[in-house]
Amino acid sequence: MATRYVVDTNVLVYALDRREPEKRERAREVLRRVGGAGTAALPAQVLSEFGGACLRKLEPRPDPTTVRR
């Protein structure tokens, strides 16, 4: 059985944060690895925190449709 990982809210936010290109690329690589392997879990709480953090903290603010995707 493959090891399962819970993705933290910060990883999702960093994947969209244009202000921190190095963290952005590292977060995207993590998501590609665990997503491609089917080993990632995204709890509802993490998804809710992600939406709120993106719409409050990221500059420029992403389109809400992008956040939902």
C-alpha atoms as a PDB file:
ATOM      1  CA  MET A   1       0.000   0.000   0.000  1.00  0.00           C
ATOM      2  CA  ALA A   2       1.327   3.439  -0.942  1.00  0.00           C
ATOM      3  CA  THR A   3       2.020   6.015   1.723  1.00  0.00           C
ATOM      4  CA  ARG A   4      -0.690   8.677   1.830  1.00  0.00           C
ATOM      5  CA  TYR A   5       0.065  12.347   2.377  1.00  0.00           C
ATOM      6  CA  VAL A   6      -2.195  15.130   3.621  1.00  0.00           C
ATOM      7  CA  VAL A   7      -1.405  18.302   1.715  1.00  0.00           C
ATOM      8  CA  ASP A   8      -1.122  21.357   3.953  1.00  0.00           C
ATOM      9  CA  THR A   9      -2.947  24.582   3.129  1.00  0.00           C
ATOM     10  CA  ASN A  10       0.361  26.434   2.743  1.00  0.00           C
ATOM     11  CA  VAL A  11       1.462  24.139  -0.084  1.00  0.00           C
ATOM     12  CA  LEU A  12      -1.685  24.965  -2.026  1.00  0.00           C
ATOM     13  CA  VAL A  13      -1.326  28.704  -1.388  1.00  0.00           C
ATOM     14  CA  TYR A  14       2.367  28.739  -2.338  1.00  0.00           C
ATOM     15  CA  ALA A  15       1.492  26.995  -5.606  1.00  0.00           C
ATOM     16  CA  LEU A  16      -0.390  30.159  -6.643  1.00  0.00           C
ATOM     17  CA  ASP A  17       1.706  32.837  -4.907  1.00  0.00           C
ATOM     18  CA  ARG A  18       3.494  34.915  -7.535  1.00  0.00           C
ATOM     19  CA  ARG A  19       5.461  36.837  -4.908  1.00  0.00           C
ATOM     20  CA  GLU A  20       7.583  33.808  -3.973  1.00  0.00           C
ATOM     21  CA  PRO A  21       8.677  32.087  -7.221  1.00  0.00           C
ATOM     22  CA  GLU A  22      10.983  29.569  -5.496  1.00  0.00           C
ATOM     23  CA  LYS A  23       8.317  28.444  -3.024  1.00  0.00           C
ATOM     24  CA  ARG A  24       5.777  28.428  -5.841  1.00  0.00           C
ATOM     25  CA  GLU A  25       7.845  26.011  -7.928  1.00  0.00           C
ATOM     26  CA  ARG A  26       8.636  23.770  -4.953  1.00  0.00           C
ATOM     27  CA  ALA A  27       4.947  23.607  -4.005  1.00  0.00           C
ATOM     28  CA  ARG A  28       3.973  22.767  -7.575  1.00  0.00           C
ATOM     29  CA  GLU A  29       6.570  19.997  -7.672  1.00  0.00           C
ATOM     30  CA  VAL A  30       5.189  18.505  -4.450  1.00  0.00           C
ATOM     31  CA  LEU A  31       1.675  18.622  -5.876  1.00  0.00           C
ATOM     32  CA  ARG A  32       2.809  17.009  -9.138  1.00  0.00           C
ATOM     33  CA  ARG A  33       4.516  14.196  -7.240  1.00  0.00           C
ATOM     34  CA  VAL A  34       1.778  13.327  -4.783  1.00  0.00           C
ATOM     35  CA  GLY A  35      -1.015  14.095  -7.231  1.00  0.00           C
ATOM     36  CA  GLY A  36       0.519  12.047 -10.013  1.00  0.00           C
ATOM     37  CA  ALA A  37       1.124   9.126  -7.670  1.00  0.00           C
ATOM     38  CA  GLY A  38      -2.408   9.315  -6.296  1.00  0.00           C
ATOM     39  CA  THR A  39      -1.077   9.603  -2.753  1.00  0.00           C
ATOM     40  CA  ALA A  40      -2.460  13.029  -1.814  1.00  0.00           C
ATOM     41  CA  ALA A  41      -5.390  13.712   0.466  1.00  0.00           C
ATOM     42  CA  LEU A  42      -7.074  17.105   0.640  1.00  0.00           C
ATOM     43  CA  PRO A  43      -9.305  17.379   3.711  1.00  0.00           C
ATOM     44  CA  ALA A  44     -12.294  19.703   3.467  1.00  0.00           C
ATOM     45  CA  GLN A  45     -10.761  21.964   6.136  1.00  0.00           C
ATOM     46  CA  VAL A  46      -7.620  22.450   4.022  1.00  0.00           C
ATOM     47  CA  LEU A  47      -9.684  23.326   0.955  1.00  0.00           C
ATOM     48  CA  SER A  48     -11.740  25.829   2.942  1.00  0.00           C
ATOM     49  CA  GLU A  49      -8.624  27.440   4.435  1.00  0.00           C
ATOM     50  CA  PHE A  50      -7.049  27.563   0.976  1.00  0.00           C
ATOM     51  CA  GLY A  51      -9.979  29.450  -0.532  1.00  0.00           C
ATOM     52  CA  GLY A  52     -10.017  31.967   2.275  1.00  0.00           C
ATOM     53  CA  ALA A  53      -6.259  32.490   2.268  1.00  0.00           C
ATOM     54  CA  CYS A  54      -6.132  33.001  -1.492  1.00  0.00           C
ATOM     55  CA  LEU A  55      -8.913  35.531  -1.543  1.00  0.00           C
ATOM     56  CA  ARG A  56      -7.558  37.455   1.472  1.00  0.00           C
ATOM     57  CA  LYS A  57      -3.782  37.304   1.183  1.00  0.00           C
ATOM     58  CA  LEU A  58      -2.550  36.771  -2.364  1.00  0.00           C
ATOM     59  CA  GLU A  59      -1.636  39.761  -4.514  1.00  0.00           C
ATOM     60  CA  PRO A  60      -2.788  40.102  -7.165  1.00  0.00           C
ATOM     61  CA  ARG A  61      -5.952  38.392  -6.024  1.00  0.00           C
ATOM     62  CA  PRO A  62      -6.706  35.307  -8.094  1.00  0.00           C
ATOM     63  CA  ASP A  63     -10.040  35.016  -9.809  1.00  0.00           C
ATOM     64  CA  PRO A  64     -12.457  33.059  -7.571  1.00  0.00           C
ATOM     65  CA  THR A  65     -13.002  30.624 -10.459  1.00  0.00           C
ATOM     66  CA  THR A  66      -9.273  29.818 -10.438  1.00  0.00           C
ATOM     67  CA  VAL A  67      -9.388  29.216  -6.688  1.00  0.00           C
ATOM     68  CA  ARG A  68     -12.347  26.834  -7.074  1.00  0.00           C
ATOM     69  CA  ARG A  69     -10.542  24.842  -9.783  1.00  0.00           C
END
